[in-house]
Each structure stands twice: as C-alpha cells, then as structure tokens.
C-alpha atoms as a PDB file:
ATOM      1  CA  SER A   1     -16.548   5.444  -9.867  1.00  0.00           C
ATOM      2  CA  ARG A   2     -14.036   5.766  -7.246  1.00  0.00           C
ATOM      3  CA  SER A   3     -15.176   8.733  -5.444  1.00  0.00           C
ATOM      4  CA  ASN A   4     -18.136   6.477  -4.548  1.00  0.00           C
ATOM      5  CA  LEU A   5     -15.777   4.402  -3.721  1.00  0.00           C
ATOM      6  CA  ILE A   6     -14.130   6.693  -2.033  1.00  0.00           C
ATOM      7  CA  LYS A   7     -16.856   7.707  -0.052  1.00  0.00           C
ATOM      8  CA  SER A   8     -17.727   3.746   0.766  1.00  0.00           C
ATOM      9  CA  THR A   9     -14.652   3.440   1.935  1.00  0.00           C
ATOM     10  CA  LEU A  10     -14.598   6.120   4.189  1.00  0.00           C
ATOM     11  CA  GLY A  11     -18.416   5.561   5.615  1.00  0.00           C
ATOM     12  CA  LEU A  12     -17.152   2.038   7.198  1.00  0.00           C
ATOM     13  CA  VAL A  13     -13.765   3.243   8.194  1.00  0.00           C
ATOM     14  CA  GLU A  14     -15.009   3.333  11.723  1.00  0.00           C
ATOM     15  CA  GLY A  15     -16.051  -0.524  12.092  1.00  0.00           C
ATOM     16  CA  GLY A  16     -13.219  -1.235  10.018  1.00  0.00           C
ATOM     17  CA  ASN A  17     -11.577  -4.452  10.805  1.00  0.00           C
ATOM     18  CA  VAL A  18      -8.036  -3.663  11.958  1.00  0.00           C
ATOM     19  CA  VAL A  19      -6.890  -7.886  12.487  1.00  0.00           C
ATOM     20  CA  ARG A  20      -8.564  -7.785   8.459  1.00  0.00           C
ATOM     21  CA  GLY A  21      -6.253  -4.607   7.600  1.00  0.00           C
ATOM     22  CA  GLU A  22      -3.116  -5.695   9.116  1.00  0.00           C
ATOM     23  CA  ILE A  23      -3.524  -9.177   7.407  1.00  0.00           C
ATOM     24  CA  LEU A  24      -4.250  -7.148   4.020  1.00  0.00           C
ATOM     25  CA  PHE A  25      -1.142  -4.783   4.336  1.00  0.00           C
ATOM     26  CA  LYS A  26       1.213  -7.881   5.330  1.00  0.00           C
ATOM     27  CA  HIS A  27      -0.130 -10.602   2.906  1.00  0.00           C
ATOM     28  CA  ALA A  28       0.950 -11.068  -0.078  1.00  0.00           C
ATOM     29  CA  SER A  29      -2.500 -12.735  -1.294  1.00  0.00           C
ATOM     30  CA  GLY A  30      -4.334  -9.538   0.216  1.00  0.00           C
ATOM     31  CA  ALA A  31      -2.875  -6.065  -0.805  1.00  0.00           C
ATOM     32  CA  GLY A  32       0.583  -7.048   0.211  1.00  0.00           C
ATOM     33  CA  CYS A  33       1.676  -3.062   1.063  1.00  0.00           C
ATOM     34  CA  ILE A  34       4.560  -4.671   2.874  1.00  0.00           C
ATOM     35  CA  LYS A  35       6.366  -6.085   0.234  1.00  0.00           C
ATOM     36  CA  CYS A  36       7.200  -2.177  -0.728  1.00  0.00           C
ATOM     37  CA  HIS A  37       6.032  -0.223   2.212  1.00  0.00           C
ATOM     38  CA  ARG A  38       8.006  -0.144   5.528  1.00  0.00           C
ATOM     39  CA  LEU A  39       6.313  -0.146   8.786  1.00  0.00           C
ATOM     40  CA  ASN A  40       9.991   0.867  10.773  1.00  0.00           C
ATOM     41  CA  GLU A  41      13.695   1.687   9.764  1.00  0.00           C
ATOM     42  CA  GLY A  42      14.553  -2.193   9.272  1.00  0.00           C
ATOM     43  CA  ASN A  43      12.781  -3.777   6.884  1.00  0.00           C
ATOM     44  CA  GLY A  44      14.071  -2.053   3.365  1.00  0.00           C
ATOM     45  CA  GLY A  45      10.954  -1.572   1.793  1.00  0.00           C
ATOM     46  CA  PHE A  46      11.552   1.613  -1.370  1.00  0.00           C
ATOM     47  CA  ALA A  47       7.994   3.332  -0.618  1.00  0.00           C
ATOM     48  CA  PRO A  48       6.873   6.079   1.696  1.00  0.00           C
ATOM     49  CA  ASN A  49       7.537   4.577   5.425  1.00  0.00           C
ATOM     50  CA  LEU A  50       4.288   4.423   7.098  1.00  0.00           C
ATOM     51  CA  GLY A  51       5.116   3.281  10.780  1.00  0.00           C
ATOM     52  CA  ARG A  52       3.574   6.325  12.097  1.00  0.00           C
ATOM     53  CA  VAL A  53       1.322   7.078   9.406  1.00  0.00           C
ATOM     54  CA  GLY A  54      -1.897   7.267  11.374  1.00  0.00           C
ATOM     55  CA  SER A  55      -0.127  10.106  13.721  1.00  0.00           C
ATOM     56  CA  ARG A  56       0.691  11.885  10.091  1.00  0.00           C
ATOM     57  CA  ALA A  57      -2.346  11.483   7.988  1.00  0.00           C
ATOM     58  CA  THR A  58      -6.237  11.758   7.873  1.00  0.00           C
ATOM     59  CA  VAL A  59      -8.627   9.401   7.080  1.00  0.00           C
ATOM     60  CA  ARG A  60      -9.762  10.793   3.912  1.00  0.00           C
ATOM     61  CA  HIS A  61      -5.889  11.199   3.133  1.00  0.00           C
ATOM     62  CA  LEU A  62      -4.909   7.186   3.343  1.00  0.00           C
ATOM     63  CA  ALA A  63      -7.911   6.253   1.438  1.00  0.00           C
ATOM     64  CA  GLU A  64      -7.381   8.327  -1.357  1.00  0.00           C
ATOM     65  CA  SER A  65      -3.747   7.454  -1.858  1.00  0.00           C
ATOM     66  CA  MET A  66      -5.069   4.074  -2.004  1.00  0.00           C
ATOM     67  CA  ILE A  67      -7.537   4.091  -4.743  1.00  0.00           C
ATOM     68  CA  GLU A  68      -6.529   7.425  -6.430  1.00  0.00           C
ATOM     69  CA  PRO A  69      -2.278   7.484  -5.689  1.00  0.00           C
ATOM     70  CA  ASP A  70      -1.313   9.632  -8.406  1.00  0.00           C
ATOM     71  CA  ALA A  71      -3.765  12.643  -6.129  1.00  0.00           C
ATOM     72  CA  VAL A  72      -0.635  12.867  -4.514  1.00  0.00           C
ATOM     73  CA  ILE A  73       2.526  11.652  -4.972  1.00  0.00           C
ATOM     74  CA  THR A  74       5.526  11.402  -2.253  1.00  0.00           C
ATOM     75  CA  GLU A  75       8.263  13.491  -3.108  1.00  0.00           C
ATOM     76  CA  GLY A  76      10.907  11.233  -4.823  1.00  0.00           C
ATOM     77  CA  PHE A  77       8.360   8.201  -5.917  1.00  0.00           C
ATOM     78  CA  GLN A  78       6.673   9.154  -9.286  1.00  0.00           C
ATOM     79  CA  GLN A  79       7.467   6.465 -11.850  1.00  0.00           C
ATOM     80  CA  LEU A  80      10.952   6.683 -13.542  1.00  0.00           C
ATOM     81  CA  ASN A  81      10.258   4.809 -17.537  1.00  0.00           C
ATOM     82  CA  VAL A  82      13.416   3.351 -18.265  1.00  0.00           C
ATOM     83  CA  LEU A  83      14.476   2.131 -21.936  1.00  0.00           C
ATOM     84  CA  THR A  84      16.656  -0.127 -22.644  1.00  0.00           C
ATOM     85  CA  ASP A  85      18.772  -0.803 -25.364  1.00  0.00           C
ATOM     86  CA  ASP A  86      16.772  -4.450 -25.874  1.00  0.00           C
ATOM     87  CA  GLY A  87      13.663  -2.495 -26.571  1.00  0.00           C
ATOM     88  CA  ARG A  88      11.990  -3.305 -23.579  1.00  0.00           C
ATOM     89  CA  VAL A  89      10.982  -0.015 -20.815  1.00  0.00           C
ATOM     90  CA  HIS A  90      10.416  -0.705 -17.039  1.00  0.00           C
ATOM     91  CA  ALA A  91       9.115   1.379 -15.044  1.00  0.00           C
ATOM     92  CA  GLY A  92       9.709   1.713 -11.142  1.00  0.00           C
ATOM     93  CA  VAL A  93      10.791   3.935  -8.242  1.00  0.00           C
ATOM     94  CA  LEU A  94      14.618   5.523  -8.649  1.00  0.00           C
ATOM     95  CA  ILE A  95      16.000   3.867  -5.637  1.00  0.00           C
ATOM     96  CA  GLU A  96      19.630   4.436  -6.173  1.00  0.00           C
ATOM     97  CA  GLU A  97      22.142   5.279  -8.878  1.00  0.00           C
ATOM     98  CA  SER A  98      25.939   5.241  -9.411  1.00  0.00           C
ATOM     99  CA  GLY A  99      27.889   5.877 -12.461  1.00  0.00           C
ATOM    100  CA  LEU A 100      27.537   2.232 -13.662  1.00  0.00           C
ATOM    101  CA  SER A 101      23.735   1.436 -12.919  1.00  0.00           C
ATOM    102  CA  LEU A 102      20.542   2.436 -12.004  1.00  0.00           C
ATOM    103  CA  THR A 103      18.321   0.290  -9.681  1.00  0.00           C
ATOM    104  CA  LEU A 104      14.047   0.462 -10.016  1.00  0.00           C
ATOM    105  CA  GLY A 105      12.019  -0.512  -6.966  1.00  0.00           C
ATOM    106  CA  LEU A 106       8.968  -2.204  -9.166  1.00  0.00           C
ATOM    107  CA  VAL A 107       5.028  -2.479  -8.661  1.00  0.00           C
ATOM    108  CA  ASP A 108       5.615  -5.949  -7.755  1.00  0.00           C
ATOM    109  CA  GLY A 109       8.123  -5.570  -4.249  1.00  0.00           C
ATOM    110  CA  ASN A 110      11.298  -6.884  -6.429  1.00  0.00           C
ATOM    111  CA  GLN A 111      14.270  -4.475  -7.221  1.00  0.00           C
ATOM    112  CA  LEU A 112      15.771  -4.419 -10.806  1.00  0.00           C
ATOM    113  CA  VAL A 113      19.179  -2.992 -11.188  1.00  0.00           C
ATOM    114  CA  LEU A 114      20.233  -1.401 -14.921  1.00  0.00           C
ATOM    115  CA  PRO A 115      23.266  -1.096 -15.752  1.00  0.00           C
ATOM    116  CA  LYS A 116      23.472   2.539 -17.297  1.00  0.00           C
ATOM    117  CA  SER A 117      25.431   1.108 -20.613  1.00  0.00           C
ATOM    118  CA  ALA A 118      22.149  -0.397 -21.350  1.00  0.00           C
ATOM    119  CA  ILE A 119      20.025   2.878 -21.302  1.00  0.00           C
ATOM    120  CA  GLU A 120      18.667   3.984 -24.087  1.00  0.00           C
ATOM    121  CA  GLN A 121      15.619   6.653 -22.489  1.00  0.00           C
ATOM    122  CA  ARG A 122      14.876   7.494 -18.821  1.00  0.00           C
ATOM    123  CA  LYS A 123      12.483  10.064 -18.030  1.00  0.00           C
ATOM    124  CA  SER A 124       9.817  11.016 -14.928  1.00  0.00           C
ATOM    125  CA  ARG A 125       6.789  10.714 -15.188  1.00  0.00           C
ATOM    126  CA  PRO A 126       3.730  12.780 -12.944  1.00  0.00           C
ATOM    127  CA  VAL A 127       2.004   9.615 -11.762  1.00  0.00           C
ATOM    128  CA  SER A 128       2.771   7.071  -8.565  1.00  0.00           C
ATOM    129  CA  ALA A 129       4.226   4.407  -8.901  1.00  0.00           C
ATOM    130  CA  MET A 130       1.944   2.753  -6.284  1.00  0.00           C
ATOM    131  CA  PRO A 131      -1.117   0.962  -8.063  1.00  0.00           C
ATOM    132  CA  SER A 132      -4.550   1.850  -6.880  1.00  0.00           C
ATOM    133  CA  MET A 133      -5.876  -0.805  -4.527  1.00  0.00           C
ATOM    134  CA  ALA A 134      -9.737  -0.172  -6.247  1.00  0.00           C
ATOM    135  CA  PRO A 135      -9.464  -2.844  -8.593  1.00  0.00           C
ATOM    136  CA  LEU A 136      -7.946  -5.412  -5.991  1.00  0.00           C
ATOM    137  CA  LEU A 137     -10.431  -4.435  -2.800  1.00  0.00           C
ATOM    138  CA  ASN A 138     -14.018  -3.547  -1.923  1.00  0.00           C
ATOM    139  CA  ALA A 139     -14.953  -0.806   0.300  1.00  0.00           C
ATOM    140  CA  GLN A 140     -14.660  -3.088   3.488  1.00  0.00           C
ATOM    141  CA  GLN A 141     -11.565  -4.481   2.745  1.00  0.00           C
ATOM    142  CA  LEU A 142      -9.850  -0.974   1.715  1.00  0.00           C
ATOM    143  CA  ALA A 143     -12.035   0.256   4.811  1.00  0.00           C
ATOM    144  CA  ASP A 144     -10.108  -2.426   7.027  1.00  0.00           C
ATOM    145  CA  LEU A 145      -6.679  -1.369   5.490  1.00  0.00           C
ATOM    146  CA  THR A 146      -7.594   2.427   6.694  1.00  0.00           C
ATOM    147  CA  ALA A 147      -8.408   1.307   9.929  1.00  0.00           C
ATOM    148  CA  TYR A 148      -5.334  -1.047  10.196  1.00  0.00           C
ATOM    149  CA  LEU A 149      -2.954   2.152   8.451  1.00  0.00           C
ATOM    150  CA  MET A 150      -4.467   4.737  11.246  1.00  0.00           C
ATOM    151  CA  THR A 151      -2.524   2.560  14.175  1.00  0.00           C
ATOM    152  CA  LEU A 152       0.332   3.131  13.547  1.00  0.00           C
ATOM    153  CA  ARG A 153       1.269   5.490  15.588  1.00  0.00           C
ATOM    154  CA  ASP A 154       3.954   7.330  18.085  1.00  0.00           C
ATOM    155  CA  GLY A 155       4.451   5.939  21.705  1.00  0.00           C
ATOM    156  CA  LYS A 156       3.729   2.848  23.576  1.00  0.00           C
ATOM    157  CA  LEU A 157      -0.273   3.994  24.622  1.00  0.00           C
ATOM    158  CA  LYS A 158      -0.926   3.955  21.102  1.00  0.00           C
ATOM    159  CA  GLU A 159       0.284   0.644  20.796  1.00  0.00           C
ATOM    160  CA  ARG A 160      -0.781  -1.051  23.532  1.00  0.00           C
ATOM    161  CA  ARG A 161      -4.111   0.204  22.382  1.00  0.00           C
ATOM    162  CA  ALA A 162      -3.438  -0.935  18.972  1.00  0.00           C
ATOM    163  CA  SER A 163      -2.616  -4.370  20.027  1.00  0.00           C
ATOM    164  CA  ARG A 164      -6.061  -4.347  23.086  1.00  0.00           C
ATOM    165  CA  LYS A 165      -8.263  -3.948  19.898  1.00  0.00           C
ATOM    166  CA  ASN A 166      -6.579  -6.160  17.372  1.00  0.00           C
ATOM    167  CA  LYS A 167      -7.446  -9.086  20.640  1.00  0.00           C
ATOM    168  CA  LYS A 168     -10.769  -7.689  20.927  1.00  0.00           C
ATOM    169  CA  LEU A 169     -11.654  -8.004  17.463  1.00  0.00           C
ATOM    170  CA  ARG A 170      -9.581 -11.184  17.310  1.00  0.00           C
ATOM    171  CA  ASN A 171     -11.275 -12.870  19.769  1.00  0.00           C
ATOM    172  CA  LYS A 172     -14.809 -11.142  17.544  1.00  0.00           C
ATOM    173  CA  GLN A 173     -13.458 -12.953  14.895  1.00  0.00           C
ATOM    174  CA  GLN A 174     -13.006 -16.724  15.944  1.00  0.00           C
ATOM    175  CA  SER A 175     -16.864 -16.649  16.568  1.00  0.00           C
ATOM    176  CA  ALA A 176     -17.405 -15.401  13.306  1.00  0.00           C
ATOM    177  CA  PRO A 177     -19.013 -18.171  10.730  1.00  0.00           C
ATOM    178  CA  LYS A 178     -15.380 -17.782   8.428  1.00  0.00           C
ATOM    179  CA  PRO A 179     -12.254 -17.613   9.162  1.00  0.00           C
ATOM    180  CA  PRO A 180     -10.341 -13.877   8.553  1.00  0.00           C
ATOM    181  CA  SER A 181      -8.091 -15.583   5.263  1.00  0.00           C
ATOM    182  CA  ALA A 182     -11.394 -16.985   3.922  1.00  0.00           C
ATOM    183  CA  ILE A 183     -12.866 -12.916   4.477  1.00  0.00           C
ATOM    184  CA  VAL A 184      -9.547 -10.999   3.370  1.00  0.00           C
ATOM    185  CA  MET A 185      -9.138 -13.715  -0.247  1.00  0.00           C
ATOM    186  CA  GLU A 186     -12.489 -13.324  -1.284  1.00  0.00           C
ATOM    187  CA  LYS A 187     -12.807 -11.606  -5.038  1.00  0.00           C
ATOM    188  CA  PRO A 188     -14.684  -7.782  -4.635  1.00  0.00           C
ATOM    189  CA  ARG A 189     -18.280  -7.982  -5.831  1.00  0.00           C
ATOM    190  CA  GLY A 190     -20.011  -5.401  -8.500  1.00  0.00           C
ATOM    191  CA  GLN A 191     -17.386  -3.314  -7.815  1.00  0.00           C
ATOM    192  CA  ALA A 192     -16.613  -0.576 -10.703  1.00  0.00           C
ATOM    193  CA  ASP A 193     -13.501   0.987 -11.433  1.00  0.00           C
END
C-alpha cells in the first residue's frame, strides 16, 4: 500500500544517498523531476520551484508529495482537462492563456499550445498534474530523492555542506560493486501500488 511505502521511505531517508537522489531528479530515465520542476528562476519549468524546498518542507511532506501528489496540491498546479473539437482530451497545468490560445504543461515536461477556437470544454480537476512516483521508484529510490531535495536550502553554507556530503558519497560509491547509473535504472522489486 502507499501508506506502507511512505513509512518505508521515511525509515530510509536518514541513510539516503544524495548523489543517487540528484541523478534520479535530473535524469530522464530516473524520476525525471527536472522536466517540470525548476531549481532556480532561470530553467523554465512549469511545476513548483524546488530550489529551496529543503528549507520550507519537511521530510514527510516531500515523501508524501511524491507518493501521493493528490493529497496536497499547491495552488495553481491542479490538473486542467481540455476537450478539443477533434474529440481529444488534453490534461496538464495551465501555464499561459491569451485571447487566442492556452498553453498546457504536460506530465512529460512538454508544453501544448491549443487555439481557443478549437476548445469545446475545459474543466479543472482537484488532482495534481504530477504523477505519483510510487509505480516508478522503490522505497530506497524515494528516500534517496527525498534526501537530495532536503539538501536544497537557502545560503551558501548549506550548499557547501551538501557539496561535501555529495563528494563523500561519490567517493564511497566508487568502491561500490555497481555504478550509480545501474542502481538508478533498476526496476522496483515486489512493490505494491
């Protein structure tokens, strides 16, 4: 169950691997969070900015948000369903709207511009546009990702500490039997939804 996955993840966060978490965040074959989330003002993501999330969120909130994103939805990031005149339904986050078109941020990180003249119906839904990471990641991977997100804080001192911790973990990983990429790409085993 998802509540068991949350409990397992929380039990593993303290020993979480920050380097693997960063790889999961940034690599398309991992969780791929970077496709939608931004870490600063300049990289153009349309999901909430996670650049300083470690200073404003708890470990529990981060883990729960990845496993059950519908539980607490950040204002403005609920899913918008749009029915077009060709009978297709498009779902995403409303990024921009003008008199002529609207732009949706899609779950794969792409943007879709729809002419308003082609829109037959639109409806906001009380669900997050972010997919659950539960089918994609196991408890250890979720713990690694959470550990990485908790290093994203205000101030240079915290960045240097995280950088030193990452360097120590990289050195430790170099002596490990598998490279980080092989660990990241493994499919979760025996994980229930």
